[in-house]
């Protein structure tokens, strides 16, 4: 999986996978592959959210303003 995908891109792809799985219009092999990809995307989204939370908590503790675009 691409590590350069943004949170929003990963979440959008995950939502498409969920829709496909919920539709029931795919065969078992494809469903398993989509499920696996969905789990990878879910982990990626979780990691990105956790990293963002850590930055915010650090900023709050340090009481500093940081330009997030420069990091």
N, C-alpha and C. Protein backbone atom coordinates (compact mmCIF):
# COMPACT_ATOMS: atom_id res chain seq x y z
N UNK A 1 0.84 -1.18 0.00
CA UNK A 1 0.00 0.00 0.00
C UNK A 1 0.88 1.24 0.00
N UNK A 2 0.43 2.25 -0.69
CA UNK A 2 1.19 3.48 -0.78
C UNK A 2 1.17 4.21 0.56
N UNK A 3 2.34 4.59 1.03
CA UNK A 3 2.43 5.34 2.28
C UNK A 3 2.19 6.83 2.02
N UNK A 4 2.10 7.24 0.76
CA UNK A 4 1.93 8.65 0.44
C UNK A 4 0.46 9.06 0.38
N UNK A 5 -0.45 8.11 0.51
CA UNK A 5 -1.86 8.45 0.50
C UNK A 5 -2.20 9.26 1.74
N UNK A 6 -3.03 10.27 1.54
CA UNK A 6 -3.48 11.06 2.68
C UNK A 6 -4.54 10.28 3.45
N UNK A 7 -4.86 10.79 4.63
CA UNK A 7 -5.92 10.19 5.42
C UNK A 7 -7.22 10.18 4.62
N UNK A 8 -7.53 11.30 4.00
CA UNK A 8 -8.77 11.43 3.24
C UNK A 8 -8.83 10.45 2.06
N UNK A 9 -7.71 10.27 1.38
CA UNK A 9 -7.66 9.32 0.26
C UNK A 9 -7.84 7.89 0.76
N UNK A 10 -7.18 7.56 1.83
CA UNK A 10 -7.30 6.22 2.40
C UNK A 10 -8.72 5.95 2.88
N UNK A 11 -9.32 6.93 3.54
CA UNK A 11 -10.68 6.78 4.05
C UNK A 11 -11.68 6.63 2.90
N UNK A 12 -11.50 7.40 1.84
CA UNK A 12 -12.40 7.31 0.68
C UNK A 12 -12.30 5.91 0.05
N UNK A 13 -11.09 5.40 -0.08
CA UNK A 13 -10.91 4.06 -0.66
C UNK A 13 -11.53 3.00 0.26
N UNK A 14 -11.36 3.17 1.55
CA UNK A 14 -11.95 2.25 2.52
C UNK A 14 -13.48 2.26 2.41
N UNK A 15 -14.06 3.44 2.26
CA UNK A 15 -15.51 3.55 2.12
C UNK A 15 -16.01 2.83 0.86
N UNK A 16 -15.25 2.92 -0.22
CA UNK A 16 -15.62 2.22 -1.46
C UNK A 16 -15.57 0.71 -1.27
N UNK A 17 -14.58 0.25 -0.55
CA UNK A 17 -14.45 -1.19 -0.28
C UNK A 17 -15.63 -1.66 0.56
N UNK A 18 -16.00 -0.89 1.56
CA UNK A 18 -17.14 -1.26 2.41
C UNK A 18 -18.41 -1.35 1.58
N UNK A 19 -18.62 -0.38 0.71
CA UNK A 19 -19.81 -0.40 -0.16
C UNK A 19 -19.82 -1.66 -1.03
N UNK A 20 -18.67 -2.01 -1.60
CA UNK A 20 -18.58 -3.19 -2.45
C UNK A 20 -18.88 -4.46 -1.66
N UNK A 21 -18.33 -4.55 -0.45
CA UNK A 21 -18.57 -5.73 0.37
C UNK A 21 -20.02 -5.82 0.82
N UNK A 22 -20.61 -4.68 1.14
CA UNK A 22 -22.00 -4.67 1.58
C UNK A 22 -22.97 -4.99 0.45
N UNK A 23 -22.58 -4.71 -0.78
CA UNK A 23 -23.47 -4.94 -1.92
C UNK A 23 -23.71 -6.43 -2.14
N UNK A 24 -22.72 -7.25 -1.81
CA UNK A 24 -22.85 -8.69 -2.00
C UNK A 24 -22.75 -9.12 -3.45
N UNK A 25 -22.36 -8.21 -4.32
CA UNK A 25 -22.27 -8.50 -5.76
C UNK A 25 -20.89 -8.96 -6.21
N UNK A 26 -20.04 -9.36 -5.28
CA UNK A 26 -18.71 -9.81 -5.66
C UNK A 26 -18.51 -11.24 -5.17
N UNK A 27 -17.63 -11.94 -5.88
CA UNK A 27 -17.39 -13.34 -5.49
C UNK A 27 -16.52 -13.41 -4.24
N UNK A 28 -16.44 -14.59 -3.66
CA UNK A 28 -15.75 -14.78 -2.39
C UNK A 28 -14.28 -14.39 -2.46
N UNK A 29 -13.60 -14.79 -3.54
CA UNK A 29 -12.18 -14.48 -3.67
C UNK A 29 -11.95 -12.97 -3.68
N UNK A 30 -12.76 -12.25 -4.43
CA UNK A 30 -12.63 -10.79 -4.49
C UNK A 30 -13.01 -10.17 -3.15
N UNK A 31 -14.00 -10.71 -2.48
CA UNK A 31 -14.42 -10.20 -1.18
C UNK A 31 -13.27 -10.33 -0.17
N UNK A 32 -12.58 -11.44 -0.19
CA UNK A 32 -11.45 -11.65 0.73
C UNK A 32 -10.33 -10.65 0.42
N UNK A 33 -10.05 -10.44 -0.86
CA UNK A 33 -9.00 -9.48 -1.24
C UNK A 33 -9.39 -8.06 -0.82
N UNK A 34 -10.64 -7.70 -1.04
CA UNK A 34 -11.10 -6.37 -0.66
C UNK A 34 -11.08 -6.22 0.87
N UNK A 35 -11.45 -7.26 1.58
CA UNK A 35 -11.42 -7.22 3.04
C UNK A 35 -9.98 -6.99 3.53
N UNK A 36 -9.05 -7.70 2.94
CA UNK A 36 -7.64 -7.56 3.32
C UNK A 36 -7.16 -6.13 3.04
N UNK A 37 -7.48 -5.60 1.88
CA UNK A 37 -7.10 -4.23 1.53
C UNK A 37 -7.76 -3.25 2.50
N UNK A 38 -9.02 -3.51 2.84
CA UNK A 38 -9.73 -2.66 3.78
C UNK A 38 -9.07 -2.63 5.15
N UNK A 39 -8.61 -3.78 5.60
CA UNK A 39 -7.93 -3.85 6.89
C UNK A 39 -6.62 -3.05 6.86
N UNK A 40 -5.89 -3.13 5.74
CA UNK A 40 -4.65 -2.36 5.59
C UNK A 40 -4.96 -0.86 5.63
N UNK A 41 -6.01 -0.46 4.93
CA UNK A 41 -6.39 0.95 4.91
C UNK A 41 -6.86 1.41 6.28
N UNK A 42 -7.58 0.56 6.98
CA UNK A 42 -8.04 0.88 8.33
C UNK A 42 -6.85 1.12 9.26
N UNK A 43 -5.85 0.27 9.17
CA UNK A 43 -4.65 0.43 9.99
C UNK A 43 -3.93 1.73 9.63
N UNK A 44 -3.87 2.02 8.34
CA UNK A 44 -3.22 3.26 7.87
C UNK A 44 -3.94 4.48 8.43
N UNK A 45 -5.27 4.49 8.35
CA UNK A 45 -6.05 5.61 8.87
C UNK A 45 -5.84 5.75 10.38
N UNK A 46 -5.83 4.63 11.08
CA UNK A 46 -5.62 4.66 12.53
C UNK A 46 -4.26 5.25 12.87
N UNK A 47 -3.24 4.85 12.14
CA UNK A 47 -1.89 5.36 12.37
C UNK A 47 -1.82 6.86 12.11
N UNK A 48 -2.43 7.31 11.02
CA UNK A 48 -2.41 8.74 10.71
C UNK A 48 -3.14 9.55 11.78
N UNK A 49 -4.26 9.04 12.26
CA UNK A 49 -5.00 9.74 13.32
C UNK A 49 -4.19 9.78 14.62
N UNK A 50 -3.56 8.67 14.94
CA UNK A 50 -2.74 8.60 16.16
C UNK A 50 -1.58 9.58 16.07
N UNK A 51 -0.93 9.64 14.92
CA UNK A 51 0.19 10.57 14.74
C UNK A 51 -0.27 12.02 14.87
N UNK A 52 -1.42 12.34 14.29
CA UNK A 52 -1.96 13.69 14.39
C UNK A 52 -2.29 14.04 15.83
N UNK A 53 -2.87 13.09 16.54
CA UNK A 53 -3.20 13.31 17.95
C UNK A 53 -1.94 13.59 18.76
N UNK A 54 -0.88 12.84 18.50
CA UNK A 54 0.38 13.03 19.23
C UNK A 54 0.94 14.43 19.00
N UNK A 55 0.85 14.93 17.77
CA UNK A 55 1.33 16.27 17.45
C UNK A 55 0.52 17.31 18.23
N UNK A 56 -0.79 17.15 18.23
CA UNK A 56 -1.66 18.11 18.91
C UNK A 56 -1.42 18.08 20.42
N UNK A 57 -1.31 16.90 20.99
CA UNK A 57 -1.06 16.79 22.42
C UNK A 57 0.28 17.42 22.77
N UNK A 58 1.30 17.19 21.96
CA UNK A 58 2.62 17.79 22.22
C UNK A 58 2.52 19.31 22.15
N UNK A 59 1.82 19.82 21.16
CA UNK A 59 1.67 21.27 21.03
C UNK A 59 0.96 21.84 22.25
N UNK A 60 -0.04 21.16 22.72
CA UNK A 60 -0.79 21.64 23.88
C UNK A 60 0.08 21.62 25.14
N UNK A 61 0.89 20.59 25.28
CA UNK A 61 1.77 20.48 26.45
C UNK A 61 2.85 21.56 26.40
N UNK A 62 3.40 21.77 25.21
CA UNK A 62 4.48 22.74 25.05
C UNK A 62 3.95 24.16 24.93
N UNK A 63 2.63 24.29 24.75
CA UNK A 63 1.99 25.58 24.55
C UNK A 63 2.69 26.38 23.47
N UNK A 64 2.98 25.73 22.38
CA UNK A 64 3.64 26.41 21.27
C UNK A 64 2.79 26.28 20.01
N UNK A 65 2.95 27.23 19.15
CA UNK A 65 2.28 27.17 17.86
C UNK A 65 3.29 26.65 16.86
N UNK A 66 2.90 25.62 16.14
CA UNK A 66 3.79 24.99 15.17
C UNK A 66 3.10 25.01 13.82
N UNK A 67 3.84 25.36 12.78
CA UNK A 67 3.32 25.32 11.43
C UNK A 67 3.37 23.87 10.97
N UNK A 68 2.21 23.20 10.95
CA UNK A 68 2.16 21.79 10.59
C UNK A 68 2.56 21.53 9.16
N UNK A 69 2.44 22.52 8.29
CA UNK A 69 2.82 22.36 6.89
C UNK A 69 4.33 22.20 6.73
N UNK A 70 5.10 22.73 7.66
CA UNK A 70 6.57 22.69 7.53
C UNK A 70 7.14 21.37 8.03
N UNK A 71 6.34 20.58 8.72
CA UNK A 71 6.86 19.31 9.26
C UNK A 71 6.68 18.19 8.30
